Full PDB file with SEQRES, HELIX, SHEET, SSBOND, CRYST1, ORIGX, SCALE, CONECT and MASTER records, all heavy atoms in Angstrom:
SEQRES   1 A   35  LEU LEU ILE ILE PRO ALA ILE PHE VAL ALA GLN GLN GLN          
SEQRES   2 A   35  GLY VAL GLU VAL PHE GLN ASP GLY LYS LEU ILE GLY GLU          
SEQRES   3 A   35  GLY ARG LEU ILE PHE ALA VAL LEU PRO                          
HELIX    1 AA1 ILE A    3  GLN A   12  1                                  10    
HELIX    2 AA2 GLU A   26  ARG A   28  1                                   3    
HELIX    3 AA3 LEU A   29  VAL A   33  3                                   5    
SHEET    1 AA1 2 PHE A  18  GLN A  19  0                                        
SHEET    2 AA1 2 LYS A  22  LEU A  23 -1                                        
CRYST1    1.000    1.000    1.000  90.00  90.00  90.00 P 1           1          
ORIGX1      1.000000  0.000000  0.000000        0.00000                         
ORIGX2      0.000000  1.000000  0.000000        0.00000                         
ORIGX3      0.000000  0.000000  1.000000        0.00000                         
SCALE1      1.000000  0.000000  0.000000        0.00000                         
SCALE2      0.000000  1.000000  0.000000        0.00000                         
SCALE3      0.000000  0.000000  1.000000        0.00000                         
ATOM      1  N   LEU A   1     127.528  90.737  90.918  1.00  0.00           N  
ATOM      2  CA  LEU A   1     126.752  91.173  89.752  1.00  0.00           C  
ATOM      3  C   LEU A   1     125.328  91.577  90.124  1.00  0.00           C  
ATOM      4  O   LEU A   1     124.685  92.324  89.393  1.00  0.00           O  
ATOM      5  CB  LEU A   1     126.688  90.043  88.706  1.00  0.00           C  
ATOM      6  CG  LEU A   1     127.894  89.854  87.795  1.00  0.00           C  
ATOM      7  CD1 LEU A   1     127.639  88.685  86.842  1.00  0.00           C  
ATOM      8  CD2 LEU A   1     128.199  91.118  86.990  1.00  0.00           C  
ATOM      9  N   LEU A   2     124.856  91.073  91.265  1.00  0.00           N  
ATOM     10  CA  LEU A   2     123.524  91.461  91.738  1.00  0.00           C  
ATOM     11  C   LEU A   2     123.582  92.690  92.640  1.00  0.00           C  
ATOM     12  O   LEU A   2     122.878  93.681  92.415  1.00  0.00           O  
ATOM     13  CB  LEU A   2     122.883  90.291  92.507  1.00  0.00           C  
ATOM     14  CG  LEU A   2     121.604  90.613  93.289  1.00  0.00           C  
ATOM     15  CD1 LEU A   2     120.486  91.068  92.346  1.00  0.00           C  
ATOM     16  CD2 LEU A   2     121.157  89.419  94.101  1.00  0.00           C  
ATOM     17  N   ILE A   3     124.441  92.636  93.655  1.00  0.00           N  
ATOM     18  CA  ILE A   3     124.415  93.649  94.720  1.00  0.00           C  
ATOM     19  C   ILE A   3     124.907  95.018  94.246  1.00  0.00           C  
ATOM     20  O   ILE A   3     124.264  96.043  94.508  1.00  0.00           O  
ATOM     21  CB  ILE A   3     125.254  93.184  95.933  1.00  0.00           C  
ATOM     22  CG1 ILE A   3     124.689  91.883  96.514  1.00  0.00           C  
ATOM     23  CG2 ILE A   3     125.308  94.275  96.997  1.00  0.00           C  
ATOM     24  CD1 ILE A   3     123.326  91.992  97.143  1.00  0.00           C  
ATOM     25  N   ILE A   4     126.050  95.060  93.544  1.00  0.00           N  
ATOM     26  CA  ILE A   4     126.615  96.353  93.158  1.00  0.00           C  
ATOM     27  C   ILE A   4     125.683  97.118  92.206  1.00  0.00           C  
ATOM     28  O   ILE A   4     125.384  98.295  92.445  1.00  0.00           O  
ATOM     29  CB  ILE A   4     128.026  96.196  92.553  1.00  0.00           C  
ATOM     30  CG1 ILE A   4     128.961  95.490  93.543  1.00  0.00           C  
ATOM     31  CG2 ILE A   4     128.601  97.555  92.168  1.00  0.00           C  
ATOM     32  CD1 ILE A   4     129.087  96.182  94.877  1.00  0.00           C  
ATOM     33  N   PRO A   5     125.181  96.502  91.124  1.00  0.00           N  
ATOM     34  CA  PRO A   5     124.210  97.221  90.294  1.00  0.00           C  
ATOM     35  C   PRO A   5     122.958  97.627  91.078  1.00  0.00           C  
ATOM     36  O   PRO A   5     122.419  98.717  90.865  1.00  0.00           O  
ATOM     37  CB  PRO A   5     123.863  96.209  89.189  1.00  0.00           C  
ATOM     38  CG  PRO A   5     125.069  95.350  89.088  1.00  0.00           C  
ATOM     39  CD  PRO A   5     125.570  95.223  90.505  1.00  0.00           C  
ATOM     40  N   ALA A   6     122.513  96.770  92.004  1.00  0.00           N  
ATOM     41  CA  ALA A   6     121.330  97.106  92.817  1.00  0.00           C  
ATOM     42  C   ALA A   6     121.586  98.354  93.651  1.00  0.00           C  
ATOM     43  O   ALA A   6     120.703  99.216  93.801  1.00  0.00           O  
ATOM     44  CB  ALA A   6     120.952  95.935  93.720  1.00  0.00           C  
ATOM     45  N   ILE A   7     122.800  98.494  94.177  1.00  0.00           N  
ATOM     46  CA  ILE A   7     123.151  99.672  94.969  1.00  0.00           C  
ATOM     47  C   ILE A   7     123.100 100.933  94.100  1.00  0.00           C  
ATOM     48  O   ILE A   7     122.587 101.978  94.514  1.00  0.00           O  
ATOM     49  CB  ILE A   7     124.548  99.506  95.604  1.00  0.00           C  
ATOM     50  CG1 ILE A   7     124.514  98.432  96.689  1.00  0.00           C  
ATOM     51  CG2 ILE A   7     125.034 100.821  96.199  1.00  0.00           C  
ATOM     52  CD1 ILE A   7     125.867  98.082  97.250  1.00  0.00           C  
ATOM     53  N   PHE A   8     123.627 100.822  92.880  1.00  0.00           N  
ATOM     54  CA  PHE A   8     123.620 101.983  91.985  1.00  0.00           C  
ATOM     55  C   PHE A   8     122.209 102.323  91.497  1.00  0.00           C  
ATOM     56  O   PHE A   8     121.892 103.499  91.291  1.00  0.00           O  
ATOM     57  CB  PHE A   8     124.574 101.744  90.807  1.00  0.00           C  
ATOM     58  CG  PHE A   8     126.002 102.040  91.131  1.00  0.00           C  
ATOM     59  CD1 PHE A   8     126.772 101.134  91.850  1.00  0.00           C  
ATOM     60  CD2 PHE A   8     126.582 103.241  90.752  1.00  0.00           C  
ATOM     61  CE1 PHE A   8     128.098 101.406  92.166  1.00  0.00           C  
ATOM     62  CE2 PHE A   8     127.911 103.534  91.063  1.00  0.00           C  
ATOM     63  CZ  PHE A   8     128.667 102.613  91.778  1.00  0.00           C  
ATOM     64  N   VAL A   9     121.371 101.305  91.333  1.00  0.00           N  
ATOM     65  CA  VAL A   9     119.957 101.544  91.015  1.00  0.00           C  
ATOM     66  C   VAL A   9     119.298 102.286  92.172  1.00  0.00           C  
ATOM     67  O   VAL A   9     118.523 103.240  91.973  1.00  0.00           O  
ATOM     68  CB  VAL A   9     119.214 100.222  90.725  1.00  0.00           C  
ATOM     69  CG1 VAL A   9     117.708 100.456  90.625  1.00  0.00           C  
ATOM     70  CG2 VAL A   9     119.727  99.591  89.437  1.00  0.00           C  
ATOM     71  N   ALA A  10     119.626 101.858  93.408  1.00  0.00           N  
ATOM     72  CA  ALA A  10     119.079 102.524  94.596  1.00  0.00           C  
ATOM     73  C   ALA A  10     119.521 103.988  94.641  1.00  0.00           C  
ATOM     74  O   ALA A  10     118.725 104.883  94.955  1.00  0.00           O  
ATOM     75  CB  ALA A  10     119.535 101.789  95.857  1.00  0.00           C  
ATOM     76  N   GLN A  11     120.778 104.247  94.306  1.00  0.00           N  
ATOM     77  CA  GLN A  11     121.267 105.629  94.279  1.00  0.00           C  
ATOM     78  C   GLN A  11     120.496 106.459  93.252  1.00  0.00           C  
ATOM     79  O   GLN A  11     120.164 107.618  93.494  1.00  0.00           O  
ATOM     80  CB  GLN A  11     122.762 105.648  93.968  1.00  0.00           C  
ATOM     81  CG  GLN A  11     123.381 107.041  94.066  1.00  0.00           C  
ATOM     82  CD  GLN A  11     124.840 107.051  93.676  1.00  0.00           C  
ATOM     83  OE1 GLN A  11     125.256 106.324  92.778  1.00  0.00           O  
ATOM     84  NE2 GLN A  11     125.632 107.865  94.361  1.00  0.00           N  
ATOM     85  N   GLN A  12     120.212 105.855  92.115  1.00  0.00           N  
ATOM     86  CA  GLN A  12     119.437 106.523  91.071  1.00  0.00           C  
ATOM     87  C   GLN A  12     118.048 106.908  91.571  1.00  0.00           C  
ATOM     88  O   GLN A  12     117.466 107.908  91.152  1.00  0.00           O  
ATOM     89  CB  GLN A  12     119.312 105.579  89.861  1.00  0.00           C  
ATOM     90  CG  GLN A  12     118.772 106.217  88.597  1.00  0.00           C  
ATOM     91  CD  GLN A  12     119.805 107.085  87.884  1.00  0.00           C  
ATOM     92  OE1 GLN A  12     120.991 106.873  88.048  1.00  0.00           O  
ATOM     93  NE2 GLN A  12     119.358 108.063  87.119  1.00  0.00           N  
ATOM     94  N   GLN A  13     117.534 106.095  92.523  1.00  0.00           N  
ATOM     95  CA  GLN A  13     116.203 106.342  93.094  1.00  0.00           C  
ATOM     96  C   GLN A  13     116.247 107.293  94.288  1.00  0.00           C  
ATOM     97  O   GLN A  13     115.235 107.504  94.945  1.00  0.00           O  
ATOM     98  CB  GLN A  13     115.568 105.008  93.530  1.00  0.00           C  
ATOM     99  CG  GLN A  13     115.342 104.017  92.397  1.00  0.00           C  
ATOM    100  CD  GLN A  13     114.291 104.479  91.419  1.00  0.00           C  
ATOM    101  OE1 GLN A  13     113.396 105.238  91.772  1.00  0.00           O  
ATOM    102  NE2 GLN A  13     114.399 104.046  90.165  1.00  0.00           N  
ATOM    103  N   GLY A  14     117.458 107.808  94.597  1.00  0.00           N  
ATOM    104  CA  GLY A  14     117.569 108.775  95.689  1.00  0.00           C  
ATOM    105  C   GLY A  14     117.924 108.179  97.034  1.00  0.00           C  
ATOM    106  O   GLY A  14     117.913 108.880  98.050  1.00  0.00           O  
ATOM    107  N   VAL A  15     118.247 106.882  97.061  1.00  0.00           N  
ATOM    108  CA  VAL A  15     118.634 106.237  98.320  1.00  0.00           C  
ATOM    109  C   VAL A  15     120.115 106.509  98.580  1.00  0.00           C  
ATOM    110  O   VAL A  15     120.943 106.421  97.666  1.00  0.00           O  
ATOM    111  CB  VAL A  15     118.393 104.707  98.246  1.00  0.00           C  
ATOM    112  CG1 VAL A  15     118.806 104.043  99.558  1.00  0.00           C  
ATOM    113  CG2 VAL A  15     116.930 104.412  97.938  1.00  0.00           C  
ATOM    114  N   GLU A  16     120.455 106.858  99.819  1.00  0.00           N  
ATOM    115  CA  GLU A  16     121.856 107.122 100.172  1.00  0.00           C  
ATOM    116  C   GLU A  16     122.632 105.807 100.210  1.00  0.00           C  
ATOM    117  O   GLU A  16     122.294 104.895 100.973  1.00  0.00           O  
ATOM    118  CB  GLU A  16     121.953 107.797 101.543  1.00  0.00           C  
ATOM    119  CG  GLU A  16     123.387 108.170 101.924  1.00  0.00           C  
ATOM    120  CD  GLU A  16     123.527 108.631 103.372  1.00  0.00           C  
ATOM    121  OE1 GLU A  16     122.488 108.706 104.074  1.00  0.00           O  
ATOM    122  OE2 GLU A  16     124.659 108.887 103.790  1.00  0.00           O  
ATOM    123  N   VAL A  17     123.662 105.688  99.359  1.00  0.00           N  
ATOM    124  CA  VAL A  17     124.414 104.438  99.295  1.00  0.00           C  
ATOM    125  C   VAL A  17     125.899 104.622  99.601  1.00  0.00           C  
ATOM    126  O   VAL A  17     126.628 103.649  99.766  1.00  0.00           O  
ATOM    127  CB  VAL A  17     124.264 103.761  97.911  1.00  0.00           C  
ATOM    128  CG1 VAL A  17     122.813 103.430  97.624  1.00  0.00           C  
ATOM    129  CG2 VAL A  17     124.852 104.622  96.809  1.00  0.00           C  
ATOM    130  N   PHE A  18     126.371 105.850  99.682  1.00  0.00           N  
ATOM    131  CA  PHE A  18     127.773 106.111  99.993  1.00  0.00           C  
ATOM    132  C   PHE A  18     127.903 106.763 101.372  1.00  0.00           C  
ATOM    133  O   PHE A  18     127.064 107.566 101.761  1.00  0.00           O  
ATOM    134  CB  PHE A  18     128.411 107.023  98.943  1.00  0.00           C  
ATOM    135  CG  PHE A  18     128.717 106.324  97.645  1.00  0.00           C  
ATOM    136  CD1 PHE A  18     127.820 106.377  96.587  1.00  0.00           C  
ATOM    137  CD2 PHE A  18     129.900 105.618  97.492  1.00  0.00           C  
ATOM    138  CE1 PHE A  18     128.095 105.730  95.389  1.00  0.00           C  
ATOM    139  CE2 PHE A  18     130.187 104.971  96.289  1.00  0.00           C  
ATOM    140  CZ  PHE A  18     129.288 105.023  95.244  1.00  0.00           C  
ATOM    141  N   GLN A  19     128.972 106.395 102.066  1.00  0.00           N  
ATOM    142  CA  GLN A  19     129.258 106.993 103.371  1.00  0.00           C  
ATOM    143  C   GLN A  19     130.773 107.166 103.463  1.00  0.00           C  
ATOM    144  O   GLN A  19     131.513 106.179 103.341  1.00  0.00           O  
ATOM    145  CB  GLN A  19     128.751 106.080 104.492  1.00  0.00           C  
ATOM    146  CG  GLN A  19     128.449 106.796 105.789  1.00  0.00           C  
ATOM    147  CD  GLN A  19     127.667 105.898 106.738  1.00  0.00           C  
ATOM    148  OE1 GLN A  19     128.003 104.749 106.924  1.00  0.00           O  
ATOM    149  NE2 GLN A  19     126.629 106.432 107.344  1.00  0.00           N  
ATOM    150  N   ASP A  20     131.222 108.403 103.651  1.00  0.00           N  
ATOM    151  CA  ASP A  20     132.656 108.699 103.701  1.00  0.00           C  
ATOM    152  C   ASP A  20     133.389 108.183 102.460  1.00  0.00           C  
ATOM    153  O   ASP A  20     134.505 107.662 102.537  1.00  0.00           O  
ATOM    154  CB  ASP A  20     133.295 108.100 104.963  1.00  0.00           C  
ATOM    155  CG  ASP A  20     132.662 108.626 106.238  1.00  0.00           C  
ATOM    156  OD1 ASP A  20     132.302 109.814 106.256  1.00  0.00           O  
ATOM    157  OD2 ASP A  20     132.515 107.841 107.200  1.00  0.00           O  
ATOM    158  N   GLY A  21     132.742 108.315 101.307  1.00  0.00           N  
ATOM    159  CA  GLY A  21     133.358 107.910 100.041  1.00  0.00           C  
ATOM    160  C   GLY A  21     133.368 106.425  99.777  1.00  0.00           C  
ATOM    161  O   GLY A  21     133.894 105.960  98.775  1.00  0.00           O  
ATOM    162  N   LYS A  22     132.789 105.648 100.683  1.00  0.00           N  
ATOM    163  CA  LYS A  22     132.760 104.195 100.533  1.00  0.00           C  
ATOM    164  C   LYS A  22     131.315 103.724 100.399  1.00  0.00           C  
ATOM    165  O   LYS A  22     130.403 104.313 100.985  1.00  0.00           O  
ATOM    166  CB  LYS A  22     133.392 103.506 101.759  1.00  0.00           C  
ATOM    167  CG  LYS A  22     134.870 103.791 101.947  1.00  0.00           C  
ATOM    168  CD  LYS A  22     135.708 102.862 101.094  1.00  0.00           C  
ATOM    169  CE  LYS A  22     137.199 102.989 101.422  1.00  0.00           C  
ATOM    170  NZ  LYS A  22     138.015 102.120 100.575  1.00  0.00           N  
ATOM    171  N   LEU A  23     131.138 102.639  99.635  1.00  0.00           N  
ATOM    172  CA  LEU A  23     129.801 102.057  99.548  1.00  0.00           C  
ATOM    173  C   LEU A  23     129.394 101.503 100.905  1.00  0.00           C  
ATOM    174  O   LEU A  23     130.199 100.866 101.590  1.00  0.00           O  
ATOM    175  CB  LEU A  23     129.787 100.919  98.529  1.00  0.00           C  
ATOM    176  CG  LEU A  23     129.589 101.293  97.059  1.00  0.00           C  
ATOM    177  CD1 LEU A  23     129.685 100.046  96.197  1.00  0.00           C  
ATOM    178  CD2 LEU A  23     128.234 101.950  96.843  1.00  0.00           C  
ATOM    179  N   ILE A  24     128.160 101.740 101.273  1.00  0.00           N  
ATOM    180  CA  ILE A  24     127.636 101.180 102.520  1.00  0.00           C  
ATOM    181  C   ILE A  24     127.620  99.662 102.389  1.00  0.00           C  
ATOM    182  O   ILE A  24     127.201  99.117 101.376  1.00  0.00           O  
ATOM    183  CB  ILE A  24     126.207 101.706 102.796  1.00  0.00           C  
ATOM    184  CG1 ILE A  24     126.263 103.200 103.120  1.00  0.00           C  
ATOM    185  CG2 ILE A  24     125.549 100.930 103.919  1.00  0.00           C  
ATOM    186  CD1 ILE A  24     124.912 103.862 103.199  1.00  0.00           C  
ATOM    187  N   GLY A  25     128.094  98.974 103.400  1.00  0.00           N  
ATOM    188  CA  GLY A  25     128.158  97.514 103.320  1.00  0.00           C  
ATOM    189  C   GLY A  25     127.483  96.827 104.482  1.00  0.00           C  
ATOM    190  O   GLY A  25     126.873  97.446 105.345  1.00  0.00           O  
ATOM    191  N   GLU A  26     127.589  95.524 104.469  1.00  0.00           N  
ATOM    192  CA  GLU A  26     127.148  94.631 105.531  1.00  0.00           C  
ATOM    193  C   GLU A  26     125.714  94.902 105.965  1.00  0.00           C  
ATOM    194  O   GLU A  26     124.807  94.959 105.136  1.00  0.00           O  
ATOM    195  CB  GLU A  26     128.147  94.695 106.689  1.00  0.00           C  
ATOM    196  CG  GLU A  26     129.534  94.250 106.244  1.00  0.00           C  
ATOM    197  CD  GLU A  26     130.565  94.298 107.342  1.00  0.00           C  
ATOM    198  OE1 GLU A  26     130.287  94.833 108.419  1.00  0.00           O  
ATOM    199  OE2 GLU A  26     131.672  93.798 107.094  1.00  0.00           O  
ATOM    200  N   GLY A  27     125.485  95.063 107.274  1.00  0.00           N  
ATOM    201  CA  GLY A  27     124.121  95.134 107.787  1.00  0.00           C  
ATOM    202  C   GLY A  27     123.260  96.214 107.162  1.00  0.00           C  
ATOM    203  O   GLY A  27     122.121  95.978 106.761  1.00  0.00           O  
ATOM    204  N   ARG A  28     123.806  97.418 107.047  1.00  0.00           N  
ATOM    205  CA  ARG A  28     122.996  98.526 106.517  1.00  0.00           C  
ATOM    206  C   ARG A  28     122.631  98.305 105.057  1.00  0.00           C  
ATOM    207  O   ARG A  28     121.562  98.690 104.612  1.00  0.00           O  
ATOM    208  CB  ARG A  28     123.741  99.854 106.683  1.00  0.00           C  
ATOM    209  CG  ARG A  28     123.645 100.430 108.084  1.00  0.00           C  
ATOM    210  CD  ARG A  28     123.871 101.923 108.079  1.00  0.00           C  
ATOM    211  NE  ARG A  28     122.905 102.628 107.241  1.00  0.00           N  
ATOM    212  CZ  ARG A  28     123.130 103.814 106.689  1.00  0.00           C  
ATOM    213  NH1 ARG A  28     124.298 104.402 106.865  1.00  0.00           N  
ATOM    214  NH2 ARG A  28     122.228 104.399 105.958  1.00  0.00           N  
ATOM    215  N   LEU A  29     123.544  97.686 104.313  1.00  0.00           N  
ATOM    216  CA  LEU A  29     123.263  97.403 102.904  1.00  0.00           C  
ATOM    217  C   LEU A  29     122.058  96.471 102.780  1.00  0.00           C  
ATOM    218  O   LEU A  29     121.117  96.744 102.031  1.00  0.00           O  
ATOM    219  CB  LEU A  29     124.495  96.763 102.256  1.00  0.00           C  
ATOM    220  CG  LEU A  29     124.277  96.096 100.895  1.00  0.00           C  
ATOM    221  CD1 LEU A  29     123.882  97.126  99.859  1.00  0.00           C  
ATOM    222  CD2 LEU A  29     125.516  95.338 100.459  1.00  0.00           C  
ATOM    223  N   ILE A  30     122.087  95.383 103.509  1.00  0.00           N  
ATOM    224  CA  ILE A  30     121.055  94.351 103.372  1.00  0.00           C  
ATOM    225  C   ILE A  30     119.728  94.777 103.992  1.00  0.00           C  
ATOM    226  O   ILE A  30     118.663  94.515 103.436  1.00  0.00           O  
ATOM    227  CB  ILE A  30     121.532  93.026 104.026  1.00  0.00           C  
ATOM    228  CG1 ILE A  30     122.784  92.517 103.319  1.00  0.00           C  
ATOM    229  CG2 ILE A  30     120.431  91.970 103.994  1.00  0.00           C  
ATOM    230  CD1 ILE A  30     122.602  92.182 101.861  1.00  0.00           C  
ATOM    231  N   PHE A  31     119.788  95.442 105.137  1.00  0.00           N  
ATOM    232  CA  PHE A  31     118.548  95.705 105.881  1.00  0.00           C  
ATOM    233  C   PHE A  31     118.053  97.143 105.782  1.00  0.00           C  
ATOM    234  O   PHE A  31     117.014  97.472 106.349  1.00  0.00           O  
ATOM    235  CB  PHE A  31     118.747  95.321 107.355  1.00  0.00           C  
ATOM    236  CG  PHE A  31     119.131  93.879 107.528  1.00  0.00           C  
ATOM    237  CD1 PHE A  31     120.353  93.534 108.078  1.00  0.00           C  
ATOM    238  CD2 PHE A  31     118.275  92.865 107.117  1.00  0.00           C  
ATOM    239  CE1 PHE A  31     120.719  92.205 108.224  1.00  0.00           C  
ATOM    240  CE2 PHE A  31     118.636  91.536 107.261  1.00  0.00           C  
ATOM    241  CZ  PHE A  31     119.858  91.199 107.819  1.00  0.00           C  
ATOM    242  N   ALA A  32     118.781  98.005 105.072  1.00  0.00           N  
ATOM    243  CA  ALA A  32     118.305  99.392 104.914  1.00  0.00           C  
ATOM    244  C   ALA A  32     118.289  99.801 103.446  1.00  0.00           C  
ATOM    245  O   ALA A  32     117.245 100.136 102.896  1.00  0.00           O  
ATOM    246  CB  ALA A  32     119.192 100.338 105.731  1.00  0.00           C  
ATOM    247  N   VAL A  33     119.447  99.734 102.791  1.00  0.00           N  
ATOM    248  CA  VAL A  33     119.558 100.218 101.413  1.00  0.00           C  
ATOM    249  C   VAL A  33     118.687  99.412 100.457  1.00  0.00           C  
ATOM    250  O   VAL A  33     117.868  99.967  99.713  1.00  0.00           O  
ATOM    251  CB  VAL A  33     121.034 100.198 100.940  1.00  0.00           C  
ATOM    252  CG1 VAL A  33     121.118 100.547  99.453  1.00  0.00           C  
ATOM    253  CG2 VAL A  33     121.862 101.174 101.764  1.00  0.00           C  
ATOM    254  N   LEU A  34     118.844  98.092 100.462  1.00  0.00           N  
ATOM    255  CA  LEU A  34     118.090  97.273  99.505  1.00  0.00           C  
ATOM    256  C   LEU A  34     116.586  97.276  99.760  1.00  0.00           C  
ATOM    257  O   LEU A  34     115.806  97.401  98.809  1.00  0.00           O  
ATOM    258  CB  LEU A  34     118.651  95.849  99.466  1.00  0.00           C  
ATOM    259  CG  LEU A  34     120.067  95.742  98.883  1.00  0.00           C  
ATOM    260  CD1 LEU A  34     120.540  94.293  98.841  1.00  0.00           C  
ATOM    261  CD2 LEU A  34     120.138  96.341  97.483  1.00  0.00           C  
ATOM    262  N   PRO A  35     116.107  97.170 101.018  1.00  0.00           N  
ATOM    263  CA  PRO A  35     114.662  97.301 101.233  1.00  0.00           C  
ATOM    264  C   PRO A  35     114.106  98.644 100.767  1.00  0.00           C  
ATOM    265  O   PRO A  35     112.987  98.701 100.244  1.00  0.00           O  
ATOM    266  CB  PRO A  35     114.515  97.136 102.761  1.00  0.00           C  
ATOM    267  CG  PRO A  35     115.656  96.252 103.132  1.00  0.00           C  
ATOM    268  CD  PRO A  35     116.783  96.694 102.239  1.00  0.00           C  
TER     269      PRO A  35                                                      
MASTER        0    0    0    3    2    0    0    6  268    1    0    3          
END                                                                             
């Protein structure tokens, strides 16, 4: 409930959150997308 909406908020702000049709996960999610 925290991470998925946060990813979509990031996308709304122009941050790249999808890669090859899949949501970016694990290391890149925590240390790149969310920061």
